[in-house]
Amino acid sequence: MNIDRLVFAIAGCFVVASVLLSVYHNPNWLWFSGFVGLNLFQAAFTGFCPLAKVLKAAGVEPGSAFK
């Protein structure tokens, strides 16, 4: 699995976890979903993603989006 797919998978897990936490614990968890969404949005235009940098440093194979 390359960096691109891992970023999407981890972001998806964060969003689902945040929505579940907001339903069952506290609605303020939706701020975390908003943060993840905004980060994905800006990464689409700038190519900068903090998670991609961490995964690249960990030696994960790069994809075409985050080189």
N, C-alpha and C. Protein backbone atom coordinates (compact mmCIF):
# COMPACT_ATOMS: atom_id res chain seq x y z
N MET A 1 0.85 -1.17 0.00
CA MET A 1 0.00 0.00 0.00
C MET A 1 0.90 1.23 0.00
N ASN A 2 0.58 2.18 -0.87
CA ASN A 2 1.43 3.37 -0.95
C ASN A 2 0.88 4.50 -0.06
N ILE A 3 1.62 5.60 -0.04
CA ILE A 3 1.28 6.72 0.84
C ILE A 3 -0.11 7.27 0.53
N ASP A 4 -0.44 7.41 -0.76
CA ASP A 4 -1.73 7.99 -1.14
C ASP A 4 -2.89 7.20 -0.55
N ARG A 5 -2.85 5.90 -0.71
CA ARG A 5 -3.93 5.06 -0.21
C ARG A 5 -3.97 5.05 1.31
N LEU A 6 -2.81 5.08 1.95
CA LEU A 6 -2.78 5.11 3.42
C LEU A 6 -3.36 6.42 3.95
N VAL A 7 -3.05 7.53 3.29
CA VAL A 7 -3.60 8.82 3.73
C VAL A 7 -5.12 8.79 3.65
N PHE A 8 -5.67 8.29 2.54
CA PHE A 8 -7.12 8.21 2.40
C PHE A 8 -7.74 7.27 3.43
N ALA A 9 -7.10 6.13 3.66
CA ALA A 9 -7.63 5.15 4.61
C ALA A 9 -7.61 5.70 6.04
N ILE A 10 -6.51 6.32 6.42
CA ILE A 10 -6.40 6.85 7.78
C ILE A 10 -7.35 8.03 7.97
N ALA A 11 -7.44 8.91 6.98
CA ALA A 11 -8.37 10.03 7.08
C ALA A 11 -9.81 9.54 7.18
N GLY A 12 -10.16 8.53 6.42
CA GLY A 12 -11.50 7.96 6.50
C GLY A 12 -11.79 7.37 7.87
N CYS A 13 -10.82 6.67 8.43
CA CYS A 13 -10.99 6.11 9.79
C CYS A 13 -11.15 7.22 10.81
N PHE A 14 -10.37 8.30 10.67
CA PHE A 14 -10.49 9.44 11.60
C PHE A 14 -11.88 10.06 11.52
N VAL A 15 -12.39 10.23 10.31
CA VAL A 15 -13.71 10.85 10.15
C VAL A 15 -14.80 9.96 10.76
N VAL A 16 -14.76 8.67 10.46
CA VAL A 16 -15.77 7.75 11.01
C VAL A 16 -15.69 7.71 12.53
N ALA A 17 -14.48 7.64 13.07
CA ALA A 17 -14.31 7.61 14.52
C ALA A 17 -14.81 8.91 15.15
N SER A 18 -14.53 10.03 14.50
CA SER A 18 -14.97 11.32 15.02
C SER A 18 -16.49 11.44 15.02
N VAL A 19 -17.13 10.97 13.96
CA VAL A 19 -18.60 11.03 13.90
C VAL A 19 -19.20 10.12 14.96
N LEU A 20 -18.66 8.93 15.12
CA LEU A 20 -19.17 8.04 16.17
C LEU A 20 -18.97 8.63 17.56
N LEU A 21 -17.82 9.22 17.79
CA LEU A 21 -17.57 9.86 19.09
C LEU A 21 -18.52 11.03 19.32
N SER A 22 -18.84 11.76 18.25
CA SER A 22 -19.76 12.89 18.42
C SER A 22 -21.19 12.41 18.71
N VAL A 23 -21.57 11.27 18.16
CA VAL A 23 -22.91 10.74 18.41
C VAL A 23 -23.01 10.17 19.81
N TYR A 24 -21.99 9.41 20.22
CA TYR A 24 -22.09 8.69 21.49
C TYR A 24 -21.39 9.37 22.68
N HIS A 25 -20.61 10.39 22.43
CA HIS A 25 -19.88 11.01 23.54
C HIS A 25 -20.14 12.50 23.65
N ASN A 26 -19.66 13.27 22.65
CA ASN A 26 -19.75 14.72 22.72
C ASN A 26 -19.75 15.30 21.31
N PRO A 27 -20.69 16.17 20.97
CA PRO A 27 -20.76 16.74 19.61
C PRO A 27 -19.53 17.55 19.21
N ASN A 28 -18.72 17.96 20.17
CA ASN A 28 -17.51 18.72 19.83
C ASN A 28 -16.50 17.90 19.03
N TRP A 29 -16.65 16.60 18.98
CA TRP A 29 -15.76 15.77 18.17
C TRP A 29 -15.90 16.06 16.69
N LEU A 30 -16.99 16.70 16.28
CA LEU A 30 -17.16 17.06 14.88
C LEU A 30 -16.13 18.07 14.42
N TRP A 31 -15.56 18.82 15.34
CA TRP A 31 -14.48 19.74 14.98
C TRP A 31 -13.29 18.96 14.41
N PHE A 32 -13.05 17.78 14.93
CA PHE A 32 -11.95 16.96 14.42
C PHE A 32 -12.25 16.51 12.99
N SER A 33 -13.49 16.12 12.71
CA SER A 33 -13.87 15.77 11.34
C SER A 33 -13.66 16.95 10.40
N GLY A 34 -14.03 18.14 10.86
CA GLY A 34 -13.81 19.34 10.06
C GLY A 34 -12.35 19.60 9.79
N PHE A 35 -11.51 19.39 10.79
CA PHE A 35 -10.07 19.56 10.61
C PHE A 35 -9.51 18.60 9.58
N VAL A 36 -9.93 17.34 9.66
CA VAL A 36 -9.46 16.33 8.70
C VAL A 36 -9.92 16.70 7.29
N GLY A 37 -11.18 17.11 7.15
CA GLY A 37 -11.70 17.49 5.85
C GLY A 37 -10.98 18.69 5.26
N LEU A 38 -10.73 19.70 6.08
CA LEU A 38 -10.00 20.87 5.59
C LEU A 38 -8.57 20.53 5.21
N ASN A 39 -7.95 19.64 5.96
CA ASN A 39 -6.59 19.24 5.64
C ASN A 39 -6.55 18.49 4.31
N LEU A 40 -7.52 17.61 4.06
CA LEU A 40 -7.58 16.92 2.77
C LEU A 40 -7.83 17.91 1.63
N PHE A 41 -8.68 18.91 1.89
CA PHE A 41 -8.98 19.91 0.87
C PHE A 41 -7.74 20.72 0.49
N GLN A 42 -7.01 21.19 1.50
CA GLN A 42 -5.82 21.97 1.19
C GLN A 42 -4.72 21.11 0.57
N ALA A 43 -4.65 19.84 0.94
CA ALA A 43 -3.64 18.94 0.36
C ALA A 43 -3.90 18.71 -1.12
N ALA A 44 -5.17 18.77 -1.53
CA ALA A 44 -5.50 18.59 -2.94
C ALA A 44 -4.90 19.71 -3.79
N PHE A 45 -4.78 20.91 -3.22
CA PHE A 45 -4.28 22.05 -3.98
C PHE A 45 -2.79 22.31 -3.77
N THR A 46 -2.31 22.06 -2.56
CA THR A 46 -0.92 22.39 -2.25
C THR A 46 0.02 21.19 -2.35
N GLY A 47 -0.51 19.99 -2.19
CA GLY A 47 0.35 18.80 -2.18
C GLY A 47 1.01 18.56 -0.85
N PHE A 48 0.74 19.41 0.14
CA PHE A 48 1.34 19.24 1.47
C PHE A 48 0.36 18.52 2.40
N CYS A 49 0.83 17.43 2.98
CA CYS A 49 0.04 16.67 3.94
C CYS A 49 0.97 16.20 5.05
N PRO A 50 0.74 16.62 6.29
CA PRO A 50 1.62 16.21 7.38
C PRO A 50 1.71 14.69 7.53
N LEU A 51 0.60 13.98 7.37
CA LEU A 51 0.62 12.53 7.48
C LEU A 51 1.47 11.91 6.39
N ALA A 52 1.42 12.46 5.19
CA ALA A 52 2.23 11.95 4.08
C ALA A 52 3.72 12.12 4.39
N LYS A 53 4.08 13.24 5.01
CA LYS A 53 5.48 13.46 5.40
C LYS A 53 5.93 12.42 6.42
N VAL A 54 5.07 12.12 7.39
CA VAL A 54 5.41 11.13 8.42
C VAL A 54 5.54 9.75 7.79
N LEU A 55 4.63 9.39 6.91
CA LEU A 55 4.68 8.08 6.27
C LEU A 55 5.90 7.96 5.36
N LYS A 56 6.27 9.04 4.68
CA LYS A 56 7.46 9.02 3.83
C LYS A 56 8.72 8.82 4.67
N ALA A 57 8.77 9.49 5.84
CA ALA A 57 9.91 9.33 6.74
C ALA A 57 9.98 7.92 7.31
N ALA A 58 8.81 7.26 7.42
CA ALA A 58 8.76 5.90 7.93
C ALA A 58 9.14 4.87 6.86
N GLY A 59 9.33 5.33 5.62
CA GLY A 59 9.78 4.44 4.57
C GLY A 59 8.68 3.80 3.75
N VAL A 60 7.47 4.35 3.82
CA VAL A 60 6.36 3.82 3.02
C VAL A 60 6.56 4.26 1.57
N GLU A 61 6.22 3.39 0.64
CA GLU A 61 6.38 3.67 -0.79
C GLU A 61 5.51 4.86 -1.20
N PRO A 62 6.08 5.86 -1.86
CA PRO A 62 5.28 7.02 -2.27
C PRO A 62 4.36 6.69 -3.43
N GLY A 63 3.24 7.39 -3.48
CA GLY A 63 2.32 7.27 -4.61
C GLY A 63 2.54 8.44 -5.55
N SER A 64 1.57 8.71 -6.40
CA SER A 64 1.74 9.79 -7.37
C SER A 64 1.29 11.14 -6.82
N ALA A 65 0.47 11.17 -5.79
CA ALA A 65 -0.04 12.45 -5.29
C ALA A 65 0.93 13.13 -4.35
N PHE A 66 1.58 12.40 -3.47
CA PHE A 66 2.47 12.99 -2.46
C PHE A 66 3.90 12.54 -2.70
N LYS A 67 4.57 13.17 -3.67
CA LYS A 67 5.97 12.81 -3.97
C LYS A 67 6.93 13.69 -3.22
